[in-house]
Protein backbone atom coordinates (compact mmCIF):
# COMPACT_ATOMS: atom_id res chain seq x y z
CA MET A 1 29.93 -9.87 -17.26
CA GLY A 2 29.65 -13.21 -19.05
CA HIS A 3 26.75 -15.63 -19.19
CA GLY A 4 24.34 -13.05 -20.58
CA CYS A 5 24.35 -10.87 -17.46
CA VAL A 6 23.76 -7.24 -18.28
CA SER A 7 24.01 -4.63 -15.58
CA THR A 8 22.52 -1.49 -17.03
CA THR A 9 20.26 1.17 -15.63
CA ALA A 10 17.50 0.08 -18.02
CA SER A 11 17.59 -3.52 -16.83
CA LEU A 12 17.57 -2.38 -13.20
CA ASN A 13 14.56 -0.16 -13.91
CA ARG A 14 12.74 -3.08 -15.56
CA ARG A 15 13.46 -5.29 -12.55
CA TRP A 16 12.21 -2.59 -10.18
CA TRP A 17 9.07 -2.09 -12.25
CA SER A 18 8.22 -5.80 -12.32
CA TRP A 19 8.56 -5.92 -8.52
CA CYS A 20 6.77 -2.67 -7.66
CA ALA A 21 4.31 -2.55 -10.55
CA PRO A 22 0.60 -1.97 -9.96
CA SER A 23 -1.64 -5.04 -9.96
CA TRP A 24 -3.08 -4.28 -13.41
CA SER A 25 0.33 -4.49 -15.09
CA ARG A 26 2.52 -7.45 -15.94
CA GLY A 27 4.03 -7.84 -12.47
CA LEU A 28 2.19 -7.82 -9.18
CA MET A 29 3.22 -5.51 -6.41
CA LEU A 30 0.58 -6.33 -3.84
CA GLN A 31 -2.48 -8.46 -4.05
CA LEU A 32 -5.31 -6.84 -2.14
CA SER A 33 -8.41 -8.76 -1.22
CA PRO A 34 -11.36 -7.85 0.99
CA GLN A 35 -9.68 -9.94 3.70
CA SER A 36 -6.43 -7.93 3.59
CA ARG A 37 -5.49 -6.37 6.90
CA ILE A 38 -4.51 -2.76 6.20
CA PHE A 39 -3.58 -0.17 8.80
CA VAL A 40 -3.00 3.51 8.10
CA ALA A 41 -0.68 5.38 10.47
CA ILE A 42 -2.47 8.56 11.55
CA GLU A 43 0.63 10.66 12.19
CA PRO A 44 3.04 11.41 9.33
CA VAL A 45 6.52 9.86 9.37
CA ASP A 46 9.93 10.99 8.20
CA PHE A 47 10.43 9.43 4.76
CA ARG A 48 14.20 9.39 5.22
CA ARG A 49 13.53 6.33 7.37
CA GLY A 50 14.06 2.93 5.81
CA ILE A 51 12.43 -0.45 6.25
CA ASP A 52 13.84 -1.17 9.70
CA ALA A 53 12.79 2.20 11.11
CA LEU A 54 9.26 1.87 9.70
CA ALA A 55 9.01 -1.66 11.13
CA ALA A 56 10.02 -0.15 14.49
CA VAL A 57 7.21 2.44 14.10
CA CYS A 58 4.81 -0.48 13.59
CA ARG A 59 6.03 -2.15 16.78
CA ARG A 60 6.39 0.88 19.06
CA THR A 61 3.85 3.43 17.88
CA LEU A 62 1.19 1.30 16.18
CA ARG A 63 1.64 -1.54 18.72
CA ASP A 64 1.48 -4.25 16.06
CA ASN A 65 3.83 -6.91 14.73
CA PRO A 66 4.99 -5.99 11.20
CA LEU A 67 5.80 -9.67 10.54
CA GLY A 68 2.10 -10.56 10.76
CA GLY A 69 1.37 -10.00 7.06
CA ALA A 70 -0.65 -6.78 7.37
CA LEU A 71 -0.03 -3.75 5.16
CA TYR A 72 1.02 -0.53 6.88
CA VAL A 73 0.45 2.74 5.08
CA PHE A 74 2.41 5.87 5.99
CA ARG A 75 2.41 9.40 4.60
CA ASN A 76 4.96 12.17 4.72
CA ARG A 77 4.40 15.51 6.47
CA ARG A 78 3.55 17.38 3.28
CA ALA A 79 1.01 14.69 2.25
CA THR A 80 2.64 14.35 -1.17
CA ALA A 81 3.76 10.74 -0.82
CA LEU A 82 2.68 7.41 0.67
CA ARG A 83 4.70 4.38 1.67
CA ILE A 84 3.37 0.87 2.14
CA LEU A 85 5.31 -1.60 4.26
CA VAL A 86 4.43 -5.29 4.13
CA TYR A 87 6.17 -8.51 5.13
CA ASP A 88 5.38 -11.35 2.73
CA GLY A 89 6.71 -14.21 4.86
CA GLN A 90 10.16 -14.03 3.31
CA SER A 91 11.13 -10.38 3.14
CA TYR A 92 9.87 -6.85 3.60
CA ARG A 93 8.53 -4.81 0.71
CA LEU A 94 8.51 -1.04 0.85
CA CYS A 95 6.64 0.72 -1.94
CA THR A 96 6.30 4.45 -2.46
CA LYS A 97 3.73 6.51 -4.31
CA ARG A 98 4.63 10.16 -4.79
CA LEU A 99 2.27 12.62 -6.43
CA SER A 100 3.78 14.76 -9.18
CA ARG A 101 1.36 17.58 -8.31
CA GLY A 102 -0.83 18.35 -5.36
CA ARG A 103 -1.37 16.54 -2.09
CA PHE A 104 -3.36 13.57 -0.95
CA GLN A 105 -6.85 14.90 -0.25
CA TRP A 106 -7.96 12.44 2.41
CA TRP A 107 -6.40 10.88 5.46
CA PRO A 108 -8.23 9.10 8.28
CA ARG A 109 -8.66 10.73 11.67
CA ALA A 110 -8.66 8.67 14.84
CA GLU A 111 -7.74 8.78 18.49
CA ALA A 112 -5.58 5.68 18.09
CA ALA A 113 -2.16 5.64 16.39
CA SER A 114 -3.56 3.76 13.38
CA ALA A 115 -6.84 3.21 11.64
CA PRO A 116 -7.91 0.07 9.78
CA VAL A 117 -9.06 0.58 6.20
CA ALA A 118 -10.59 -1.78 3.66
CA ALA A 119 -8.75 -2.80 0.50
CA ARG A 120 -11.09 -0.78 -1.69
CA GLU A 121 -10.52 2.30 0.49
CA LEU A 122 -6.76 1.91 0.04
CA GLN A 123 -7.21 1.63 -3.73
CA ILE A 124 -9.23 4.84 -3.74
CA LEU A 125 -6.65 6.54 -1.53
CA LEU A 126 -3.81 5.49 -3.87
CA TRP A 127 -5.63 7.22 -6.73
CA ASN A 128 -5.90 10.34 -4.51
CA GLY A 129 -9.60 9.88 -4.01
CA HIS A 130 -11.75 10.37 -0.94
CA PRO A 131 -12.92 6.91 0.25
CA GLU A 132 -15.75 8.34 2.36
CA GLN A 133 -17.21 10.23 -0.60
CA ALA A 134 -16.57 7.65 -3.32
CA ALA A 135 -19.63 5.98 -4.77
CA THR A 136 -18.80 2.29 -4.52
CA TRP A 137 -20.84 -0.86 -4.55
CA PRO A 138 -21.70 -1.89 -0.98
CA MET A 139 -19.73 -4.82 0.42
CA THR A 140 -22.07 -7.78 0.82
CA GLY A 141 -21.73 -11.53 0.68
CA ALA A 142 -20.92 -13.55 -2.41
CA VAL A 143 -22.93 -12.91 -5.55
CA SER A 144 -25.21 -15.76 -6.50
CA LEU A 145 -24.70 -16.63 -10.14
CA SER A 146 -28.15 -18.22 -10.31
CA ARG A 147 -29.69 -14.71 -10.14
CA VAL A 148 -27.55 -13.24 -12.91
CA ARG A 149 -29.34 -12.96 -16.23
CA VAL A 150 -27.37 -12.85 -19.41
């Protein structure tokens, strides 16, 4: 245990937090942009599955390559938790959000195995909102700063 290495539960929790922290905190979990490719699996999955099994769901059920850099969002059967699987070019990341009370209120419906969602819709979903009912600014082109008055 020399060289300043400390292996405590607190240090492990800090390392986990800096890796899986929300974007507004010190560490960045995922950077979402309007160009992010995000797919929501329509059917719930067994959350006892790990990274490899969820990557197999992406390949077999969703018919997509999980190594392509897209985010894949899954929910459990009770709709109390979400998992996001993403490959960052070096390794997989699997992040979980579990509600302490209640269930997620909205989930997309589609004939296909997955549905694409926009980054802002995922952000609303993660806060247990309803993306179709949320009052958000419409997505348009870039804002011209010449028209902004201070």
